[in-house]
Structure formats: structure tokens, C-alpha cells
Amino acid sequence: MKQSRRLLDSLVAGKISRIGQLQIVSSEEGFVLCHRDDVGRNDLRDGEIDRAFEIAKFDDAGNYRPLKTAPNLQHGWKIFARDLLQAEKVIDAIYPGRLAILHAFKSDQLVTTSLRETLDRQSGMYRVAAKISDEQIDGLVGNFCRSDGGCLRTILWKRDTTDQIPSFKLPLEKFDPAVDQYLSVKRPRSATAAAASIPLLCQEACNLLIAACREAVKMEGAGPSAP
């Protein structure tokens, strides 16, 4: 994790202070992590390092968050980390595995998998997902993966071996690691420049998207109800 550690080291110099919906503020004592929307609030609940796992589980309404990179991280908390190791632990609890993926990407060792390849390797009840059409993929990914209400990851995978992006319904910024996906939602089309944030990278379609592909195929196969 040396590469991710170097990225975290830059927090000390104030070069990077955000990842997803997280804000990391450095001080002489260590780091304070909270929701980006909560910066400046003095009524935040103090939490222990281990509480980060619970924070990531539920949204503001108490609903379970199956996708940890969805833009619905709960508000109203802050966690103090005394050093970079603890700060990394909090980040990894809220965004599992994303620092490791970033390390592989920065080291030119990240292998991406196209959606078609991911679908073709499914078995059992999910095997039918491979029958989804390109048109269905365009609409489904465009809705499911959008940064506004869907997922804050930056998509690196393609639709298939033709090197085609998975959806033309998503802005090109969705495929650019230099773009702060959360800021792009707040200020559409104004956050296309490189931002001082650590990107949440997506190297292959997640299980939730695969399940959505399966449902789309099943719905299409069901057809309209008889009058």
C-alpha cells in the first residue's frame, strides 16, 4: 500500500483532502474525518475509529446501504485519527478496497474487465444476465451508475471488447479519474478540471449491477401482460 500511503502523506501538505463524500482535515494532533457537507459544523457526534464500519452501513434515514460508494453516506459525525494509518483505516472502512484499487491503478497494474466479460462468466441464476442487449446496457448503466443518486465511482471498464464505453447516457466526466464525481453532481459541467480529491475507481461491474442486468433481462422476457 505504499502508493496509497504516499497519497495519504500528501494530506499533511494539504494537497488532497477529499475522497468520495469524505473530508479529511489535518491538524497538529492528527486528522479529523467527516462528511464533506458537514465541514464547519460544531454539533457533530464524536466517533471511534471502529465506528466507521457502522457509519458506512446506513444512510441518514437509517436505511441499509448495499453499495458503499453510493452518494448517500450519512451525516452528523466526525472521527479523529491520530496518524495516517488510522486515517487509512477509516477510509477503507467507509470505502472498502478503494485505496488498494487506486494503488494498482497508479502502479499501472490494475486490470479492468469489460461488462460483457463479467456477464459471460456468471453462472447459476445470474447466467441469464449475459442476454442483456446493448441498448438495455446503455439505459441501465446510465441510470444505475450515475454519480447523482447512483454511484460515485469513476468507471474504468468498457462495455465489451470493442472498447466502447458502457453508456452514452453518462457524461464523459464519469470515466475521468481526474474529475471529482461528488463535486460534479453539486456543480454539473464545472468540475471537469483535476480536483484535489482521491478518486473512487471502478475496475469492473459490481454484483449489484449484475443483479440489475439479470432483472432487466427477466423483465424484457416477461413481455407485456395480456389484456
Protein backbone atom coordinates (compact mmCIF):
# COMPACT_ATOMS: atom_id res chain seq x y z
CA MET A 1 0.00 0.00 0.00
CA LYS A 2 2.98 2.33 -0.44
CA GLN A 3 1.31 4.26 -3.26
CA SER A 4 -1.88 4.87 -1.29
CA ARG A 5 0.24 5.80 1.73
CA ARG A 6 2.04 8.43 -0.36
CA LEU A 7 -1.33 9.81 -1.38
CA LEU A 8 -2.33 9.97 2.27
CA ASP A 9 1.00 11.58 3.13
CA SER A 10 0.03 14.44 0.83
CA LEU A 11 -2.79 15.18 3.26
CA VAL A 12 -0.17 16.59 5.57
CA ALA A 13 0.75 19.15 2.93
CA GLY A 14 -2.92 19.88 2.29
CA LYS A 15 -2.79 18.74 -1.32
CA ILE A 16 -5.58 16.17 -1.03
CA SER A 17 -8.42 16.41 1.45
CA ARG A 18 -11.37 14.54 -0.08
CA ILE A 19 -12.37 11.08 -1.20
CA GLY A 20 -15.95 10.45 -2.26
CA GLN A 21 -18.12 12.11 0.37
CA LEU A 22 -15.34 12.11 2.94
CA GLN A 23 -13.42 15.21 4.03
CA ILE A 24 -10.09 14.80 5.81
CA VAL A 25 -8.83 17.78 7.78
CA SER A 26 -5.28 17.68 9.13
CA SER A 27 -4.15 19.28 12.37
CA GLU A 28 -1.16 19.15 14.70
CA GLU A 29 -2.81 16.30 16.61
CA GLY A 30 -3.73 14.18 13.60
CA PHE A 31 -6.72 14.06 11.23
CA VAL A 32 -10.44 14.65 11.54
CA LEU A 33 -12.66 12.79 9.07
CA CYS A 34 -16.28 13.74 8.45
CA HIS A 35 -18.87 14.10 5.69
CA ARG A 36 -17.90 16.78 3.18
CA ASP A 37 -21.23 18.53 3.70
CA ASP A 38 -20.56 18.78 7.45
CA VAL A 39 -17.34 20.78 7.35
CA GLY A 40 -17.66 23.73 9.72
CA ARG A 41 -20.42 22.20 11.84
CA ASN A 42 -19.84 22.17 15.64
CA ASP A 43 -22.61 19.74 16.51
CA LEU A 44 -21.05 16.60 15.03
CA ARG A 45 -21.07 13.39 17.08
CA ASP A 46 -17.62 12.12 18.01
CA GLY A 47 -16.96 8.56 16.90
CA GLU A 48 -14.26 5.96 17.47
CA ILE A 49 -12.19 4.53 14.60
CA ASP A 50 -14.13 1.25 14.64
CA ARG A 51 -17.44 3.10 14.30
CA ALA A 52 -16.61 3.87 10.67
CA PHE A 53 -17.99 0.46 9.65
CA GLU A 54 -21.36 1.30 11.22
CA ILE A 55 -21.38 4.77 9.67
CA ALA A 56 -20.94 3.22 6.23
CA LYS A 57 -23.83 0.78 6.74
CA PHE A 58 -26.77 3.16 6.90
CA ASP A 59 -27.94 6.42 5.33
CA ASP A 60 -29.46 9.40 7.16
CA ALA A 61 -32.86 7.68 7.31
CA GLY A 62 -31.39 4.51 8.80
CA ASN A 63 -31.73 2.51 5.58
CA TYR A 64 -29.07 -0.10 4.80
CA ARG A 65 -26.56 0.95 2.12
CA PRO A 66 -25.78 -2.12 -0.06
CA LEU A 67 -23.47 -0.02 -2.24
CA LYS A 68 -20.85 1.72 -0.13
CA THR A 69 -19.87 4.12 -2.92
CA ALA A 70 -23.44 5.38 -3.37
CA PRO A 71 -23.75 9.14 -2.70
CA ASN A 72 -25.82 8.63 0.46
CA LEU A 73 -23.23 8.48 3.23
CA GLN A 74 -24.85 9.57 6.48
CA HIS A 75 -24.16 12.99 8.00
CA GLY A 76 -23.61 14.27 11.52
CA TRP A 77 -20.41 12.53 12.69
CA LYS A 78 -16.67 13.02 12.92
CA ILE A 79 -13.82 10.63 13.64
CA PHE A 80 -10.38 11.59 14.94
CA ALA A 81 -7.39 9.67 13.59
CA ARG A 82 -4.08 10.24 15.34
CA ASP A 83 -1.96 9.24 12.32
CA LEU A 84 -2.07 8.27 8.65
CA LEU A 85 -2.51 4.58 9.46
CA GLN A 86 -5.71 5.30 11.38
CA ALA A 87 -6.91 7.69 8.68
CA GLU A 88 -6.40 4.96 6.09
CA LYS A 89 -8.33 2.51 8.30
CA VAL A 90 -11.33 4.88 8.42
CA ILE A 91 -11.24 5.45 4.65
CA ASP A 92 -11.05 1.72 3.97
CA ALA A 93 -13.97 1.05 6.31
CA ILE A 94 -16.18 3.57 4.55
CA TYR A 95 -14.93 2.81 1.03
CA PRO A 96 -13.72 -0.84 1.21
CA GLY A 97 -10.90 -1.76 -1.13
CA ARG A 98 -10.80 1.55 -2.97
CA LEU A 99 -7.31 2.53 -1.78
CA ALA A 100 -5.95 -0.83 -2.93
CA ILE A 101 -7.58 -0.35 -6.34
CA LEU A 102 -6.09 3.13 -6.54
CA HIS A 103 -2.65 1.76 -5.70
CA ALA A 104 -2.91 -0.78 -8.54
CA PHE A 105 -4.10 1.95 -10.93
CA LYS A 106 -1.25 4.31 -10.04
CA SER A 107 1.22 1.45 -10.43
CA ASP A 108 -0.15 0.54 -13.88
CA GLN A 109 -1.10 -2.88 -12.53
CA LEU A 110 -4.87 -2.53 -12.47
CA VAL A 111 -6.69 -4.97 -14.73
CA THR A 112 -10.16 -3.90 -15.85
CA THR A 113 -12.88 -6.27 -17.00
CA SER A 114 -15.48 -5.36 -19.62
CA LEU A 115 -19.13 -5.70 -18.70
CA ARG A 116 -19.70 -8.40 -21.32
CA GLU A 117 -16.81 -10.45 -19.94
CA THR A 118 -18.16 -10.10 -16.40
CA LEU A 119 -21.64 -11.14 -17.55
CA ASP A 120 -20.33 -14.09 -19.58
CA ARG A 121 -18.62 -15.61 -16.56
CA GLN A 122 -21.80 -15.62 -14.45
CA SER A 123 -23.33 -18.95 -13.50
CA GLY A 124 -26.49 -20.28 -11.92
CA MET A 125 -29.38 -17.85 -11.62
CA TYR A 126 -27.24 -14.97 -12.92
CA ARG A 127 -26.26 -16.66 -16.19
CA VAL A 128 -29.27 -15.13 -17.94
CA ALA A 129 -27.83 -11.65 -17.35
CA ALA A 130 -25.49 -12.22 -20.32
CA LYS A 131 -28.51 -11.99 -22.64
CA ILE A 132 -28.94 -8.28 -21.99
CA SER A 133 -28.86 -6.18 -25.17
CA ASP A 134 -26.51 -3.27 -25.82
CA GLU A 135 -29.50 -0.93 -25.78
CA GLN A 136 -30.55 -2.21 -22.36
CA ILE A 137 -26.99 -1.82 -21.09
CA ASP A 138 -26.91 1.79 -22.27
CA GLY A 139 -30.04 2.67 -20.33
CA LEU A 140 -29.36 0.54 -17.27
CA VAL A 141 -25.77 1.66 -16.69
CA GLY A 142 -26.75 5.25 -17.45
CA ASN A 143 -29.21 5.16 -14.58
CA PHE A 144 -27.63 2.71 -12.14
CA CYS A 145 -24.09 4.13 -12.21
CA ARG A 146 -24.80 7.85 -12.43
CA SER A 147 -23.00 9.92 -9.80
CA ASP A 148 -26.24 11.70 -8.94
CA GLY A 149 -28.07 9.11 -6.86
CA GLY A 150 -26.26 6.04 -8.19
CA CYS A 151 -22.55 5.58 -7.52
CA LEU A 152 -19.56 7.88 -7.03
CA ARG A 153 -17.04 5.56 -8.62
CA THR A 154 -15.25 6.53 -11.80
CA ILE A 155 -15.89 3.83 -14.41
CA LEU A 156 -12.76 2.36 -16.00
CA TRP A 157 -14.32 -0.73 -17.61
CA LYS A 158 -15.74 -0.91 -21.12
CA ARG A 159 -18.94 -2.43 -22.47
CA ASP A 160 -17.17 -5.15 -24.46
CA THR A 161 -14.01 -5.90 -26.45
CA THR A 162 -14.77 -3.06 -28.88
CA ASP A 163 -13.50 -0.62 -26.23
CA GLN A 164 -16.89 1.09 -26.18
CA ILE A 165 -17.94 2.99 -23.10
CA PRO A 166 -20.82 1.19 -21.34
CA SER A 167 -23.34 4.02 -21.60
CA PHE A 168 -23.71 7.13 -23.72
CA LYS A 169 -26.27 8.40 -21.22
CA LEU A 170 -23.47 9.19 -18.77
CA PRO A 171 -21.31 12.31 -19.14
CA LEU A 172 -17.72 11.73 -20.24
CA GLU A 173 -16.62 13.05 -16.84
CA LYS A 174 -17.92 9.80 -15.34
CA PHE A 175 -15.00 7.99 -16.99
CA ASP A 176 -12.29 10.51 -16.00
CA PRO A 177 -10.33 9.79 -12.77
CA ALA A 178 -9.31 13.46 -12.60
CA VAL A 179 -12.92 14.54 -12.01
CA ASP A 180 -14.35 14.80 -8.52
CA GLN A 181 -17.61 12.86 -9.01
CA TYR A 182 -19.29 14.32 -5.92
CA LEU A 183 -18.41 17.87 -6.93
CA SER A 184 -19.59 17.23 -10.49
CA VAL A 185 -23.04 16.43 -9.07
CA LYS A 186 -23.05 19.60 -6.99
CA ARG A 187 -21.81 21.73 -9.86
CA PRO A 188 -22.53 19.99 -13.19
CA ARG A 189 -20.10 20.66 -16.01
CA SER A 190 -17.97 22.95 -13.82
CA ALA A 191 -15.85 20.27 -12.13
CA THR A 192 -14.17 18.78 -15.18
CA ALA A 193 -10.70 20.01 -14.21
CA ALA A 194 -8.48 17.94 -11.97
CA ALA A 195 -9.74 18.21 -8.41
CA ALA A 196 -7.95 17.82 -5.09
CA SER A 197 -9.63 14.51 -4.34
CA ILE A 198 -8.79 10.82 -4.31
CA PRO A 199 -10.97 9.11 -6.95
CA LEU A 200 -13.10 6.06 -6.22
CA LEU A 201 -12.19 3.81 -9.13
CA CYS A 202 -14.35 1.04 -10.60
CA GLN A 203 -12.42 -1.69 -12.41
CA GLU A 204 -15.38 -3.99 -13.16
CA ALA A 205 -19.14 -4.13 -12.80
CA CYS A 206 -20.26 -4.74 -9.21
CA ASN A 207 -22.57 -7.55 -8.09
CA LEU A 208 -25.46 -5.12 -7.73
CA LEU A 209 -25.17 -4.07 -11.37
CA ILE A 210 -25.01 -7.71 -12.47
CA ALA A 211 -28.19 -8.38 -10.49
CA ALA A 212 -29.81 -5.38 -12.18
CA CYS A 213 -28.82 -6.76 -15.60
CA ARG A 214 -30.48 -10.06 -14.69
CA GLU A 215 -33.67 -8.29 -13.68
CA ALA A 216 -33.68 -6.26 -16.92
CA VAL A 217 -33.45 -9.45 -18.99
CA LYS A 218 -36.20 -11.12 -16.97
CA MET A 219 -38.48 -8.10 -17.35
CA GLU A 220 -37.86 -7.99 -21.09
CA GLY A 221 -38.58 -11.71 -21.38
CA ALA A 222 -41.81 -11.39 -19.46
CA GLY A 223 -43.22 -9.00 -22.08
CA PRO A 224 -46.46 -7.04 -21.73
CA SER A 225 -49.34 -8.56 -19.79
CA ALA A 226 -52.24 -10.00 -21.79
CA PRO A 227 -55.32 -7.74 -21.89
